[in-house]
C-alpha atoms as a PDB file:
ATOM      1  CA  MET A   1     186.860  85.598  30.562  1.00  0.00           C
ATOM      2  CA  GLN A   2     184.345  85.157  27.755  1.00  0.00           C
ATOM      3  CA  GLY A   3     183.973  88.299  25.623  1.00  0.00           C
ATOM      4  CA  LEU A   4     180.811  90.387  25.583  1.00  0.00           C
ATOM      5  CA  MET A   5     180.284  89.648  21.910  1.00  0.00           C
ATOM      6  CA  TYR A   6     180.007  85.943  22.671  1.00  0.00           C
ATOM      7  CA  ARG A   7     177.417  86.605  25.341  1.00  0.00           C
ATOM      8  CA  LEU A   8     175.443  88.898  23.043  1.00  0.00           C
ATOM      9  CA  ALA A   9     175.543  86.348  20.242  1.00  0.00           C
ATOM     10  CA  GLU A  10     174.267  83.675  22.610  1.00  0.00           C
ATOM     11  CA  LEU A  11     171.375  85.902  23.657  1.00  0.00           C
ATOM     12  CA  ASP A  12     170.239  86.987  20.212  1.00  0.00           C
ATOM     13  CA  ALA A  13     172.309  87.293  17.063  1.00  0.00           C
ATOM     14  CA  ASP A  14     169.679  89.260  15.211  1.00  0.00           C
ATOM     15  CA  SER A  15     167.648  91.945  16.958  1.00  0.00           C
ATOM     16  CA  ALA A  16     168.456  92.349  20.654  1.00  0.00           C
ATOM     17  CA  GLY A  17     172.156  91.724  20.093  1.00  0.00           C
ATOM     18  CA  LEU A  18     172.291  94.341  17.322  1.00  0.00           C
ATOM     19  CA  VAL A  19     170.552  96.907  19.535  1.00  0.00           C
ATOM     20  CA  ARG A  20     173.024  96.267  22.339  1.00  0.00           C
ATOM     21  CA  VAL A  21     175.999  96.733  20.028  1.00  0.00           C
ATOM     22  CA  ILE A  22     174.569 100.000  18.691  1.00  0.00           C
ATOM     23  CA  ASP A  23     173.876 101.298  22.203  1.00  0.00           C
ATOM     24  CA  TYR A  24     177.379 100.272  23.290  1.00  0.00           C
ATOM     25  CA  PHE A  25     179.009 102.511  20.686  1.00  0.00           C
ATOM     26  CA  ASP A  26     176.461 105.311  21.102  1.00  0.00           C
ATOM     27  CA  ALA A  27     177.467 105.464  24.769  1.00  0.00           C
ATOM     28  CA  LEU A  28     181.091 105.983  23.720  1.00  0.00           C
ATOM     29  CA  VAL A  29     180.021 108.972  21.599  1.00  0.00           C
ATOM     30  CA  ARG A  30     177.885 110.427  24.407  1.00  0.00           C
ATOM     31  CA  HIS A  31     180.795 110.279  26.823  1.00  0.00           C
ATOM     32  CA  GLY A  32     183.199 111.993  24.411  1.00  0.00           C
ATOM     33  CA  SER A  33     185.543 109.029  23.932  1.00  0.00           C
ATOM     34  CA  ASP A  34     188.720 109.362  21.876  1.00  0.00           C
ATOM     35  CA  THR A  35     190.150 106.771  19.468  1.00  0.00           C
ATOM     36  CA  ALA A  36     192.166 105.103  22.245  1.00  0.00           C
ATOM     37  CA  SER A  37     189.010 104.611  24.327  1.00  0.00           C
ATOM     38  CA  LEU A  38     187.203 103.369  21.239  1.00  0.00           C
ATOM     39  CA  LEU A  39     189.872 100.718  20.634  1.00  0.00           C
ATOM     40  CA  ARG A  40     189.920  99.490  24.221  1.00  0.00           C
ATOM     41  CA  ALA A  41     186.132  99.270  24.382  1.00  0.00           C
ATOM     42  CA  SER A  42     185.910  97.556  20.991  1.00  0.00           C
ATOM     43  CA  ALA A  43     188.571  94.979  21.915  1.00  0.00           C
ATOM     44  CA  GLN A  44     186.749  94.157  25.142  1.00  0.00           C
ATOM     45  CA  LEU A  45     183.450  93.816  23.302  1.00  0.00           C
ATOM     46  CA  ALA A  46     184.898  91.647  20.514  1.00  0.00           C
ATOM     47  CA  ASP A  47     187.266  89.655  22.747  1.00  0.00           C
ATOM     48  CA  CYS A  48     189.967  89.856  20.112  1.00  0.00           C
ATOM     49  CA  VAL A  49     192.552  92.303  18.798  1.00  0.00           C
ATOM     50  CA  VAL A  50     191.147  95.365  17.043  1.00  0.00           C
ATOM     51  CA  GLY A  51     192.984  98.055  15.115  1.00  0.00           C
ATOM     52  CA  ILE A  52     192.702 101.485  13.582  1.00  0.00           C
ATOM     53  CA  GLU A  53     194.800 103.281  10.983  1.00  0.00           C
ATOM     54  CA  ILE A  54     194.289 107.014  10.577  1.00  0.00           C
ATOM     55  CA  VAL A  55     195.586 109.100   7.678  1.00  0.00           C
ATOM     56  CA  GLU A  56     196.439 112.577   8.933  1.00  0.00           C
ATOM     57  CA  ARG A  57     194.784 115.338   6.922  1.00  0.00           C
ATOM     58  CA  GLY A  58     197.101 116.939   4.374  1.00  0.00           C
ATOM     59  CA  ARG A  59     199.862 114.452   5.125  1.00  0.00           C
ATOM     60  CA  SER A  60     200.764 111.006   3.857  1.00  0.00           C
ATOM     61  CA  LYS A  61     201.747 109.839   7.341  1.00  0.00           C
ATOM     62  CA  LYS A  62     199.550 107.149   8.856  1.00  0.00           C
ATOM     63  CA  ASN A  63     198.879 106.514  12.525  1.00  0.00           C
ATOM     64  CA  LEU A  64     198.303 102.829  13.259  1.00  0.00           C
ATOM     65  CA  ARG A  65     197.273 101.433  16.641  1.00  0.00           C
ATOM     66  CA  ARG A  66     196.078  98.035  17.806  1.00  0.00           C
ATOM     67  CA  CYS A  67     194.662  96.865  21.133  1.00  0.00           C
ATOM     68  CA  ASP A  68     193.974  93.451  22.676  1.00  0.00           C
ATOM     69  CA  PRO A  69     190.993  92.485  24.894  1.00  0.00           C
ATOM     70  CA  ARG A  70     192.944  93.285  28.070  1.00  0.00           C
ATOM     71  CA  GLY A  71     193.475  96.882  27.015  1.00  0.00           C
ATOM     72  CA  ARG A  72     197.142  96.413  26.105  1.00  0.00           C
ATOM     73  CA  TRP A  73     198.576  98.067  23.054  1.00  0.00           C
ATOM     74  CA  SER A  74     199.458  95.001  21.028  1.00  0.00           C
ATOM     75  CA  PRO A  75     202.667  94.232  19.136  1.00  0.00           C
ATOM     76  CA  ASP A  76     202.843  93.575  15.407  1.00  0.00           C
ATOM     77  CA  PRO A  77     199.854  91.736  13.925  1.00  0.00           C
ATOM     78  CA  GLN A  78     199.794  87.999  14.537  1.00  0.00           C
ATOM     79  CA  LEU A  79     196.725  87.520  12.362  1.00  0.00           C
ATOM     80  CA  PRO A  80     195.461  89.278   9.243  1.00  0.00           C
ATOM     81  CA  PRO A  81     192.315  91.418   9.642  1.00  0.00           C
ATOM     82  CA  SER A  82     189.229  89.221   9.537  1.00  0.00           C
ATOM     83  CA  MET A  83     186.887  92.138   8.776  1.00  0.00           C
ATOM     84  CA  THR A  84     187.673  95.723   7.707  1.00  0.00           C
ATOM     85  CA  ARG A  85     185.762  98.980   7.208  1.00  0.00           C
ATOM     86  CA  ASN A  86     186.792 102.429   5.962  1.00  0.00           C
ATOM     87  CA  ILE A  87     186.360 105.504   8.144  1.00  0.00           C
ATOM     88  CA  ALA A  88     184.611 108.082   5.954  1.00  0.00           C
ATOM     89  CA  VAL A  89     183.711 111.700   6.764  1.00  0.00           C
ATOM     90  CA  ASP A  90     181.902 113.659   4.028  1.00  0.00           C
ATOM     91  CA  ASP A  91     182.954 111.108   1.399  1.00  0.00           C
ATOM     92  CA  GLU A  92     186.590 111.471   2.458  1.00  0.00           C
ATOM     93  CA  VAL A  93     188.305 108.315   3.698  1.00  0.00           C
ATOM     94  CA  LEU A  94     190.248 109.135   6.865  1.00  0.00           C
ATOM     95  CA  GLY A  95     191.421 105.635   7.663  1.00  0.00           C
ATOM     96  CA  THR A  96     190.423 102.081   8.432  1.00  0.00           C
ATOM     97  CA  VAL A  97     189.247  99.945  11.369  1.00  0.00           C
ATOM     98  CA  TRP A  98     189.370  96.184  11.643  1.00  0.00           C
ATOM     99  CA  ILE A  99     189.198  93.171  13.906  1.00  0.00           C
ATOM    100  CA  GLU A 100     191.607  90.217  13.999  1.00  0.00           C
ATOM    101  CA  ARG A 101     189.414  87.321  15.076  1.00  0.00           C
ATOM    102  CA  PRO A 102     190.991  83.872  15.123  1.00  0.00           C
ATOM    103  CA  GLY A 103     188.716  81.227  13.659  1.00  0.00           C
ATOM    104  CA  ALA A 104     185.219  81.739  12.285  1.00  0.00           C
ATOM    105  CA  SER A 105     183.513  85.127  12.426  1.00  0.00           C
ATOM    106  CA  LEU A 106     180.699  85.731  14.893  1.00  0.00           C
ATOM    107  CA  PRO A 107     177.207  86.782  13.764  1.00  0.00           C
ATOM    108  CA  LEU A 108     177.687  90.268  15.223  1.00  0.00           C
ATOM    109  CA  ASP A 109     181.161  90.922  13.799  1.00  0.00           C
ATOM    110  CA  GLU A 110     179.863  92.848  10.803  1.00  0.00           C
ATOM    111  CA  MET A 111     177.774  95.139  12.979  1.00  0.00           C
ATOM    112  CA  LEU A 112     180.707  95.593  15.367  1.00  0.00           C
ATOM    113  CA  VAL A 113     183.076  96.773  12.651  1.00  0.00           C
ATOM    114  CA  ASP A 114     180.410  98.997  11.087  1.00  0.00           C
ATOM    115  CA  ARG A 115     179.819 100.744  14.417  1.00  0.00           C
ATOM    116  CA  MET A 116     183.553 101.037  15.037  1.00  0.00           C
ATOM    117  CA  ALA A 117     183.962 102.844  11.716  1.00  0.00           C
ATOM    118  CA  LEU A 118     180.962 105.120  12.335  1.00  0.00           C
ATOM    119  CA  THR A 119     182.094 105.985  15.871  1.00  0.00           C
ATOM    120  CA  ALA A 120     185.637 106.670  14.665  1.00  0.00           C
ATOM    121  CA  ALA A 121     184.234 108.985  11.972  1.00  0.00           C
ATOM    122  CA  ILE A 122     182.291 110.943  14.604  1.00  0.00           C
ATOM    123  CA  ILE A 123     185.377 111.198  16.838  1.00  0.00           C
ATOM    124  CA  LEU A 124     187.650 112.294  13.983  1.00  0.00           C
ATOM    125  CA  GLN A 125     185.238 114.814  12.501  1.00  0.00           C
ATOM    126  CA  PRO A 126     186.515 118.335  13.209  1.00  0.00           C
ATOM    127  CA  ARG A 127     184.440 119.888  15.980  1.00  0.00           C
ATOM    128  CA  ARG A 128     183.485 123.543  15.787  1.00  0.00           C
ATOM    129  CA  LEU A 129     183.930 125.296  19.109  1.00  0.00           C
ATOM    130  CA  PRO A 130     180.979 127.446  20.248  1.00  0.00           C
ATOM    131  CA  THR A 131     181.450 131.181  19.758  1.00  0.00           C
ATOM    132  CA  GLU A 132     181.432 133.620  22.662  1.00  0.00           C
ATOM    133  CA  ALA A 133     177.952 134.732  21.609  1.00  0.00           C
ATOM    134  CA  GLU A 134     176.754 131.110  21.674  1.00  0.00           C
ATOM    135  CA  HIS A 135     178.255 130.610  25.128  1.00  0.00           C
ATOM    136  CA  THR A 136     176.488 133.774  26.321  1.00  0.00           C
ATOM    137  CA  ARG A 137     173.190 132.559  24.887  1.00  0.00           C
ATOM    138  CA  ASN A 138     173.623 129.145  26.505  1.00  0.00           C
ATOM    139  CA  LEU A 139     174.239 130.839  29.849  1.00  0.00           C
ATOM    140  CA  LEU A 140     171.126 133.020  29.581  1.00  0.00           C
ATOM    141  CA  PHE A 141     168.946 130.233  28.136  1.00  0.00           C
ATOM    142  CA  PRO A 142     170.540 127.025  29.482  1.00  0.00           C
ATOM    143  CA  MET A 143     169.449 123.533  28.489  1.00  0.00           C
ATOM    144  CA  ASP A 144     170.886 121.938  31.618  1.00  0.00           C
ATOM    145  CA  GLU A 145     173.502 122.339  34.351  1.00  0.00           C
ATOM    146  CA  LEU A 146     176.275 120.998  32.110  1.00  0.00           C
ATOM    147  CA  ALA A 147     175.528 123.689  29.513  1.00  0.00           C
ATOM    148  CA  VAL A 148     175.835 126.355  32.222  1.00  0.00           C
ATOM    149  CA  LEU A 149     179.215 125.121  33.457  1.00  0.00           C
ATOM    150  CA  THR A 150     180.486 124.683  29.886  1.00  0.00           C
ATOM    151  CA  SER A 151     179.450 128.229  29.009  1.00  0.00           C
ATOM    152  CA  CYS A 152     181.067 129.666  32.136  1.00  0.00           C
ATOM    153  CA  ALA A 153     184.312 127.890  31.233  1.00  0.00           C
ATOM    154  CA  GLY A 154     184.072 129.019  27.598  1.00  0.00           C
ATOM    155  CA  LEU A 155     183.614 132.655  28.652  1.00  0.00           C
ATOM    156  CA  GLY A 156     186.272 132.508  31.353  1.00  0.00           C
ATOM    157  CA  ILE A 157     183.776 133.322  34.130  1.00  0.00           C
ATOM    158  CA  GLU A 158     183.787 131.638  37.502  1.00  0.00           C
ATOM    159  CA  PRO A 159     180.285 130.205  38.168  1.00  0.00           C
ATOM    160  CA  HIS A 160     180.002 132.172  41.447  1.00  0.00           C
ATOM    161  CA  THR A 161     180.937 135.544  39.877  1.00  0.00           C
ATOM    162  CA  PRO A 162     178.205 138.176  40.556  1.00  0.00           C
ATOM    163  CA  VAL A 163     176.676 139.314  37.257  1.00  0.00           C
ATOM    164  CA  ARG A 164     173.654 141.145  35.909  1.00  0.00           C
ATOM    165  CA  VAL A 165     171.754 141.188  32.629  1.00  0.00           C
ATOM    166  CA  MET A 166     171.087 144.376  30.697  1.00  0.00           C
ATOM    167  CA  ALA A 167     168.091 144.100  28.361  1.00  0.00           C
ATOM    168  CA  THR A 168     167.641 146.852  25.783  1.00  0.00           C
ATOM    169  CA  LYS A 169     164.987 147.400  23.164  1.00  0.00           C
ATOM    170  CA  ALA A 170     164.427 150.093  20.574  1.00  0.00           C
ATOM    171  CA  VAL A 171     161.366 152.294  20.838  1.00  0.00           C
ATOM    172  CA  SER A 172     158.711 151.370  18.297  1.00  0.00           C
ATOM    173  CA  GLY A 173     159.556 152.864  14.912  1.00  0.00           C
ATOM    174  CA  THR A 174     163.279 153.126  15.663  1.00  0.00           C
ATOM    175  CA  ALA A 175     165.932 151.220  13.731  1.00  0.00           C
ATOM    176  CA  GLU A 176     166.570 147.867  15.414  1.00  0.00           C
ATOM    177  CA  GLY A 177     170.333 148.434  15.614  1.00  0.00           C
ATOM    178  CA  ALA A 178     169.768 151.427  17.870  1.00  0.00           C
ATOM    179  CA  ALA A 179     169.196 149.055  20.797  1.00  0.00           C
ATOM    180  CA  HIS A 180     172.755 147.738  20.588  1.00  0.00           C
ATOM    181  CA  LEU A 181     174.362 149.855  23.290  1.00  0.00           C
ATOM    182  CA  VAL A 182     178.126 149.665  23.488  1.00  0.00           C
ATOM    183  CA  ILE A 183     179.196 148.464  26.942  1.00  0.00           C
ATOM    184  CA  SER A 184     182.726 149.113  28.168  1.00  0.00           C
ATOM    185  CA  PRO A 185     184.851 145.938  28.463  1.00  0.00           C
ATOM    186  CA  ASP A 186     185.426 146.970  32.095  1.00  0.00           C
ATOM    187  CA  TYR A 187     181.787 146.115  32.797  1.00  0.00           C
ATOM    188  CA  LYS A 188     181.712 142.813  30.915  1.00  0.00           C
ATOM    189  CA  PRO A 189     182.507 139.585  32.783  1.00  0.00           C
ATOM    190  CA  GLY A 190     184.977 137.334  31.017  1.00  0.00           C
ATOM    191  CA  LYS A 191     184.403 137.129  27.269  1.00  0.00           C
ATOM    192  CA  ALA A 192     180.635 137.613  27.415  1.00  0.00           C
ATOM    193  CA  THR A 193     179.159 139.356  24.398  1.00  0.00           C
ATOM    194  CA  GLY A 194     175.803 140.895  23.551  1.00  0.00           C
ATOM    195  CA  ILE A 195     173.172 138.780  21.782  1.00  0.00           C
ATOM    196  CA  ASP A 196     169.882 139.366  19.983  1.00  0.00           C
ATOM    197  CA  ALA A 197     166.905 137.537  21.469  1.00  0.00           C
ATOM    198  CA  ASP A 198     163.331 137.976  20.269  1.00  0.00           C
ATOM    199  CA  GLY A 199     163.622 141.629  19.349  1.00  0.00           C
ATOM    200  CA  GLU A 200     165.738 142.703  22.316  1.00  0.00           C
ATOM    201  CA  TYR A 201     169.459 142.926  22.927  1.00  0.00           C
ATOM    202  CA  LEU A 202     170.922 141.234  25.990  1.00  0.00           C
ATOM    203  CA  ASN A 203     174.266 142.016  27.585  1.00  0.00           C
ATOM    204  CA  LEU A 204     175.902 140.194  30.455  1.00  0.00           C
ATOM    205  CA  VAL A 205     177.495 142.772  32.769  1.00  0.00           C
ATOM    206  CA  THR A 206     179.332 142.698  36.070  1.00  0.00           C
ATOM    207  CA  GLY A 207     177.421 142.838  39.326  1.00  0.00           C
ATOM    208  CA  SER A 208     178.814 146.294  40.058  1.00  0.00           C
ATOM    209  CA  PHE A 209     177.487 147.727  36.795  1.00  0.00           C
ATOM    210  CA  ALA A 210     175.186 150.754  37.024  1.00  0.00           C
ATOM    211  CA  ALA A 211     173.770 153.116  34.424  1.00  0.00           C
ATOM    212  CA  THR A 212     176.422 155.812  34.008  1.00  0.00           C
ATOM    213  CA  PRO A 213     175.536 159.347  32.822  1.00  0.00           C
ATOM    214  CA  GLU A 214     177.292 158.608  29.516  1.00  0.00           C
ATOM    215  CA  LEU A 215     175.174 155.504  28.993  1.00  0.00           C
ATOM    216  CA  SER A 216     171.994 157.374  29.878  1.00  0.00           C
ATOM    217  CA  GLU A 217     172.780 160.055  27.297  1.00  0.00           C
ATOM    218  CA  ALA A 218     173.412 157.393  24.704  1.00  0.00           C
ATOM    219  CA  ALA A 219     170.080 155.824  25.553  1.00  0.00           C
ATOM    220  CA  LEU A 220     168.235 159.108  25.159  1.00  0.00           C
ATOM    221  CA  SER A 221     169.880 159.869  21.837  1.00  0.00           C
ATOM    222  CA  SER A 222     169.255 156.341  20.552  1.00  0.00           C
ATOM    223  CA  PHE A 223     165.603 156.136  21.602  1.00  0.00           C
ATOM    224  CA  ILE A 224     166.002 152.933  23.533  1.00  0.00           C
ATOM    225  CA  ARG A 225     164.633 151.551  26.754  1.00  0.00           C
ATOM    226  CA  ALA A 226     166.877 149.449  28.973  1.00  0.00           C
ATOM    227  CA  GLY A 227     166.556 147.413  32.129  1.00  0.00           C
ATOM    228  CA  ILE A 228     169.341 146.176  34.410  1.00  0.00           C
ATOM    229  CA  SER A 229     168.597 143.019  36.361  1.00  0.00           C
ATOM    230  CA  LEU A 230     169.185 142.100  39.963  1.00  0.00           C
ATOM    231  CA  THR A 231     172.529 140.466  40.771  1.00  0.00           C
ATOM    232  CA  ALA A 232     173.063 136.696  40.748  1.00  0.00           C
ATOM    233  CA  PRO A 233     175.969 134.252  40.392  1.00  0.00           C
ATOM    234  CA  ALA A 234     176.877 133.629  36.744  1.00  0.00           C
ATOM    235  CA  SER A 235     175.696 130.026  37.036  1.00  0.00           C
ATOM    236  CA  GLU A 236     172.211 131.280  38.015  1.00  0.00           C
ATOM    237  CA  VAL A 237     171.969 134.336  35.770  1.00  0.00           C
ATOM    238  CA  SER A 238     169.057 132.845  33.800  1.00  0.00           C
ATOM    239  CA  THR A 239     166.890 133.085  36.945  1.00  0.00           C
ATOM    240  CA  ILE A 240     167.107 136.889  37.069  1.00  0.00           C
ATOM    241  CA  LEU A 241     166.788 137.622  33.332  1.00  0.00           C
ATOM    242  CA  SER A 242     163.093 138.371  33.867  1.00  0.00           C
ATOM    243  CA  THR A 243     163.963 141.213  36.252  1.00  0.00           C
ATOM    244  CA  ALA A 244     165.972 142.956  33.500  1.00  0.00           C
ATOM    245  CA  ARG A 245     162.983 142.724  31.196  1.00  0.00           C
ATOM    246  CA  PHE A 246     160.624 143.891  33.940  1.00  0.00           C
ATOM    247  CA  ALA A 247     162.891 146.855  34.703  1.00  0.00           C
ATOM    248  CA  ARG A 248     162.923 147.749  30.998  1.00  0.00           C
ATOM    249  CA  THR A 249     159.126 147.916  30.944  1.00  0.00           C
ATOM    250  CA  GLN A 250     159.340 150.592  33.668  1.00  0.00           C
ATOM    251  CA  ALA A 251     161.701 152.759  31.583  1.00  0.00           C
ATOM    252  CA  SER A 252     160.494 155.952  29.915  1.00  0.00           C
ATOM    253  CA  ALA A 253     161.765 158.839  27.813  1.00  0.00           C
ATOM    254  CA  THR A 254     162.885 160.690  30.952  1.00  0.00           C
ATOM    255  CA  THR A 255     164.281 157.549  32.607  1.00  0.00           C
ATOM    256  CA  PRO A 256     165.492 155.373  29.703  1.00  0.00           C
ATOM    257  CA  ILE A 257     167.433 152.979  31.927  1.00  0.00           C
ATOM    258  CA  VAL A 258     165.947 151.372  35.031  1.00  0.00           C
ATOM    259  CA  ASN A 259     167.897 149.287  37.519  1.00  0.00           C
ATOM    260  CA  ALA A 260     165.921 146.427  39.074  1.00  0.00           C
ATOM    261  CA  ASP A 261     167.566 147.209  42.416  1.00  0.00           C
ATOM    262  CA  ASN A 262     165.511 150.414  42.470  1.00  0.00           C
ATOM    263  CA  LEU A 263     162.252 148.477  42.064  1.00  0.00           C
ATOM    264  CA  GLY A 264     162.731 146.475  45.252  1.00  0.00           C
ATOM    265  CA  ALA A 265     160.055 143.860  45.954  1.00  0.00           C
ATOM    266  CA  LEU A 266     158.166 144.944  42.820  1.00  0.00           C
ATOM    267  CA  ASN A 267     160.544 142.566  41.022  1.00  0.00           C
ATOM    268  CA  LEU A 268     158.374 139.758  42.356  1.00  0.00           C
ATOM    269  CA  LEU A 269     155.818 140.868  39.739  1.00  0.00           C
ATOM    270  CA  ALA A 270     158.229 139.940  36.949  1.00  0.00           C
ATOM    271  CA  PRO A 271     156.878 137.009  34.910  1.00  0.00           C
ATOM    272  CA  GLY A 272     158.965 133.856  34.830  1.00  0.00           C
ATOM    273  CA  PRO A 273     160.880 131.919  37.502  1.00  0.00           C
ATOM    274  CA  HIS A 274     160.308 132.771  41.162  1.00  0.00           C
ATOM    275  CA  ILE A 275     162.776 135.400  42.342  1.00  0.00           C
ATOM    276  CA  ASP A 276     164.599 134.428  45.516  1.00  0.00           C
ATOM    277  CA  HIS A 277     164.089 137.097  48.198  1.00  0.00           C
ATOM    278  CA  SER A 278     167.834 137.044  48.878  1.00  0.00           C
ATOM    279  CA  ARG A 279     168.349 138.630  45.435  1.00  0.00           C
ATOM    280  CA  ILE A 280     166.309 141.735  46.354  1.00  0.00           C
ATOM    281  CA  PRO A 281     168.375 144.283  48.340  1.00  0.00           C
ATOM    282  CA  ASP A 282     165.279 145.930  49.899  1.00  0.00           C
ATOM    283  CA  LEU A 283     164.076 142.668  51.428  1.00  0.00           C
ATOM    284  CA  VAL A 284     167.535 141.640  52.583  1.00  0.00           C
ATOM    285  CA  ARG A 285     168.045 144.957  54.397  1.00  0.00           C
ATOM    286  CA  ALA A 286     164.523 144.965  55.862  1.00  0.00           C
ATOM    287  CA  GLU A 287     164.977 141.464  57.258  1.00  0.00           C
ATOM    288  CA  GLU A 288     168.344 142.461  58.722  1.00  0.00           C
ATOM    289  CA  ILE A 289     167.064 145.556  60.524  1.00  0.00           C
ATOM    290  CA  GLY A 290     163.906 143.705  61.582  1.00  0.00           C
ATOM    291  CA  ASP A 291     166.019 141.635  63.944  1.00  0.00           C
ATOM    292  CA  THR A 292     166.544 144.632  66.238  1.00  0.00           C
ATOM    293  CA  LYS A 293     164.158 146.660  68.399  1.00  0.00           C
ATOM    294  CA  GLN A 294     165.139 149.888  66.662  1.00  0.00           C
ATOM    295  CA  GLY A 295     164.691 148.243  63.262  1.00  0.00           C
ATOM    296  CA  LEU A 296     161.190 147.054  64.125  1.00  0.00           C
ATOM    297  CA  GLU A 297     160.367 150.606  65.207  1.00  0.00           C
ATOM    298  CA  LEU A 298     161.538 151.947  61.832  1.00  0.00           C
ATOM    299  CA  LEU A 299     159.487 149.389  59.915  1.00  0.00           C
ATOM    300  CA  GLU A 300     156.407 150.142  62.014  1.00  0.00           C
ATOM    301  CA  THR A 301     156.864 153.844  61.225  1.00  0.00           C
ATOM    302  CA  LEU A 302     157.025 153.054  57.517  1.00  0.00           C
ATOM    303  CA  ARG A 303     153.902 150.902  57.779  1.00  0.00           C
ATOM    304  CA  SER A 304     152.031 153.736  59.502  1.00  0.00           C
ATOM    305  CA  TYR A 305     153.233 156.266  56.922  1.00  0.00           C
ATOM    306  CA  LEU A 306     152.079 154.098  54.007  1.00  0.00           C
ATOM    307  CA  GLN A 307     148.675 153.576  55.612  1.00  0.00           C
ATOM    308  CA  SER A 308     148.250 157.255  56.550  1.00  0.00           C
ATOM    309  CA  GLY A 309     149.529 158.768  53.321  1.00  0.00           C
ATOM    310  CA  THR A 310     151.347 161.795  54.822  1.00  0.00           C
ATOM    311  CA  LEU A 311     154.046 162.500  57.370  1.00  0.00           C
ATOM    312  CA  ARG A 312     151.699 164.519  59.577  1.00  0.00           C
ATOM    313  CA  ALA A 313     148.969 161.872  59.521  1.00  0.00           C
ATOM    314  CA  ALA A 314     151.500 159.190  60.406  1.00  0.00           C
ATOM    315  CA  ALA A 315     152.898 161.390  63.193  1.00  0.00           C
ATOM    316  CA  ASP A 316     149.405 161.918  64.632  1.00  0.00           C
ATOM    317  CA  SER A 317     148.634 158.172  64.605  1.00  0.00           C
ATOM    318  CA  MET A 318     151.933 157.416  66.354  1.00  0.00           C
ATOM    319  CA  HIS A 319     151.766 160.440  68.712  1.00  0.00           C
ATOM    320  CA  LEU A 320     155.059 161.760  67.361  1.00  0.00           C
ATOM    321  CA  HIS A 321     156.256 165.000  65.809  1.00  0.00           C
ATOM    322  CA  HIS A 322     156.260 164.848  62.012  1.00  0.00           C
ATOM    323  CA  SER A 323     159.990 165.595  61.993  1.00  0.00           C
ATOM    324  CA  SER A 324     160.565 162.429  64.063  1.00  0.00           C
ATOM    325  CA  VAL A 325     158.650 160.380  61.502  1.00  0.00           C
ATOM    326  CA  ALA A 326     160.668 161.956  58.682  1.00  0.00           C
ATOM    327  CA  HIS A 327     163.898 161.196  60.566  1.00  0.00           C
ATOM    328  CA  ARG A 328     162.935 157.537  60.999  1.00  0.00           C
ATOM    329  CA  LEU A 329     161.987 157.149  57.342  1.00  0.00           C
ATOM    330  CA  ALA A 330     165.288 158.737  56.308  1.00  0.00           C
ATOM    331  CA  LYS A 331     167.098 156.020  58.260  1.00  0.00           C
ATOM    332  CA  LEU A 332     165.407 153.444  56.066  1.00  0.00           C
ATOM    333  CA  SER A 333     166.059 155.280  52.815  1.00  0.00           C
ATOM    334  CA  GLN A 334     166.555 158.813  51.553  1.00  0.00           C
ATOM    335  CA  HIS A 335     163.804 158.228  48.989  1.00  0.00           C
ATOM    336  CA  VAL A 336     161.261 156.119  50.851  1.00  0.00           C
ATOM    337  CA  ASP A 337     158.826 159.016  51.275  1.00  0.00           C
ATOM    338  CA  SER A 338     158.924 160.059  47.604  1.00  0.00           C
ATOM    339  CA  ILE A 339     155.781 159.447  45.529  1.00  0.00           C
ATOM    340  CA  GLU A 340     157.546 157.245  42.960  1.00  0.00           C
ATOM    341  CA  ASN A 341     158.900 154.928  45.668  1.00  0.00           C
ATOM    342  CA  ARG A 342     155.695 154.350  47.613  1.00  0.00           C
ATOM    343  CA  ALA A 343     154.758 151.339  45.487  1.00  0.00           C
ATOM    344  CA  ARG A 344     158.230 149.890  46.098  1.00  0.00           C
ATOM    345  CA  ALA A 345     157.954 150.437  49.862  1.00  0.00           C
ATOM    346  CA  THR A 346     154.404 149.051  49.918  1.00  0.00           C
ATOM    347  CA  ALA A 347     155.516 145.914  48.074  1.00  0.00           C
ATOM    348  CA  MET A 348     158.320 145.412  50.579  1.00  0.00           C
ATOM    349  CA  MET A 349     155.971 145.689  53.537  1.00  0.00           C
ATOM    350  CA  LEU A 350     153.449 143.315  51.948  1.00  0.00           C
ATOM    351  CA  VAL A 351     156.162 140.701  51.542  1.00  0.00           C
ATOM    352  CA  LEU A 352     157.418 141.183  55.091  1.00  0.00           C
ATOM    353  CA  ASP A 353     153.904 141.081  56.571  1.00  0.00           C
ATOM    354  CA  GLY A 354     153.074 138.026  54.500  1.00  0.00           C
ATOM    355  CA  GLY A 355     156.006 136.110  55.998  1.00  0.00           C
END
């Protein structure tokens, strides 16, 4: 079989052929090839034996390998190298690559060996592993799906693990470090760590996390405001980050930490990506009870109460005793008739009525 280099040379030995050779080796880098893959691919492209000799750092020992066009690790050289290049990383020579072409050189041989040396240098350059903070950041602000899965693996978190985000921010005029609340390792998934992001501090916490009394006291003494997001799988945690920030904006001196669960359908007001209704406990429960006759009765009672404004007014409109209305509302929630939760209940009903 005629080698790819021959075909490229026949097409164009100058411009198009050079571009194809460059793209060929760039693809090897993009796919994370090792030196063995580099040799096999180079031998197939050149249609002759290629070789590499690597000097191990801090040691005089050399690692020499050669490969023929069929992908076989070749025996001792039958021909001397016809073209050679050094592998250099930061002005340090790490080894050599070469080709052993019988007969005259091809027009693209020089480019081939140059790209072999450059690709080998990229492969051999020590790679710094992302830190746990970088993995956490990549999970909260992902570039793509691969970044999400890589970050989950780096943090030791299964992609389907339920997690939340806790967003904290210091009150204006307070030292910035005050917003860095210490979260118990018991509440942190995997190796996730807190990160700074545009003036706020973000923590990844387990789905079961809730603001404990100790944490609330710390918040009050530190003059911070904090919001805890809805729950989502770790692989989708970026989609509910906005609910942590929205919850934080609802915090106050008397309630320094707000859980998005307690805001119900009001979370749909959070700027950013659309929040899936299945993430909001209020809507999930309302849709579940709405499938039964008794559940529809409870929701209708809530609707009447919100429109009437008081238990007695709702009771009069439904021809019921006010204690019956109160009993029905209590079945929905112990706090549904409190002033601070009327907006939450109203938002839920608007979503349900809007389909």
